[in-house]
Amino acid sequence: MAEFTMELNDEQKEVRDWLHGFAADVIRPAAAEWDEREETPWPVIQEAAKVGIYSLDFYAQQYFDATGLGIPMAMEELFWGDAGIALSIVGTGLAAVGVLANGTEEQIGTWIPQMYGDATDVKVAAFCSSEPDAGSDVASMRTRAVYDEAKDEWVINGTKTWATNGGIANVHVVVASVDPELGSKGHASFIIPPGTPGCSQGQKFKKHGIRASHTAEVVLDDVRVPGSCLLGGKEKLDERLARARERAKAGERVKNAAMATFEASRPAVGAMAVGTARAAYEVALDYAKTREQFGRPIIDNQGVAFQLADMATSIDAARLLVWRASWMAINGKPFTAAEGSMSKLFASETAKKVTAQAVQILGGNGYTREYPVERMHRDAAIYTIFEGTSEIQRLVISRTISGLPIR
């Protein structure tokens, strides 16, 4: 087990500097254009694939970093460049985590490479959990998967929403109910292979922020997939459902497929928020040093300087929480105090606050699209919403620290 440390080793520093260079030289110059276009930045993803950032190998190297700092470090640097473009580059990772968390070795080896493609033929993947009537309330999920034993196929029907890369993905990972009586405990995850009949894109959403990331509904109309597309396999599912029924009788709580994915990804989302917050803080700091009012730089005023001090402190605190949770996760330490949710909650709220403060420090300029903090402020709003709202994180934390079924 790697010891927890806040000091990156030489290899990690080299990767961090490489990612920072890509974010500065490739992502940032394209950020405003793709935000305005509200389209997937395929040329930027292509460039990321060419240099090896958008690839299974790179993702695996960071994911399996024994210190746990590979993924949060990478996320922070890419999202420092631009949140919308970065999410287009890393969005496939959530689907990949879904397979890693629930799939067999064969499924991992078969499907994750198809999620990325290669530098000459880039692909993306989508993780589909939320529904029009079931976002945070996962127990209300209506998408159904019914097993056709005669054909060894699963038949899936329903509509998913808020899916990053939904409908344009080569591979979709879909969470569906296989036993509605068990609520969220009766969920399972399925691979929808490329070109599967009945799987189509629904509404594409026009968003407040992260506009360069494609977000849409995914419609599942009598989608048939082979039994081998059930993540983890039928035998494992049957055993899990049997345990869930017994535990339900005893009043115990068990985790479901979607929650396993979200728990693994929450510190990474926190790192995304840290990257956006840091970017806005740096713009505000530079502006405060050069913008003069009443014959002196505005940073000479305590009202501005103290804001920047608070911004810097909050960003460092958020990073500490994210790195601790990431280290715990990779080393198999349980989140006994909901440390994963803590990291996501604090970093998300920090991003919203810091970007708002950056807009305020830039004044009228901060409110225009001539300066990037306006876009960063819009982008930051998503962190307190997706992959578990701040309210849900607080619910998870309060339940964990109290041991009570707080509602």
Foldseek 3Di string as FASTA:
>chain_A
DDDADPDDDPVLVVVLVVLLVLLVPPQQVCAVVLLVVLAAPVVSLLVCQVVPNQAPVQVVCQLLDLLLCSLLSNLLSNLLSPLLNSCSSCVQVLVLLLLVLFADPVCNVPPSRLQAPHSVDGFHEKEFQAAPVPDPNSLPFDWEWEADVVQQKIWTFDKTFFIFCAFRGQKYKYKHAHDSVLRQLRIFIFIQHGPFPQWHWDDWDCALASSNITTTMIGGDRGIDHQNRTGNGDVVSVVSVVVSVVVVVVVDDDHHSLVSSLLLCLLSLLSSLLSLLVSLLVVLVVQQQPDDDPHHRNCVDCVSVVLSVVLVVLSVVLVVLSSVSSSCVSVVHDPLQLSSLVSLLSSLVSSLVSLVSSLVSVDPVSCDPVDCSVNSNSHSVCSCPPSAHSVRSVQVNVCSVVVDNDD
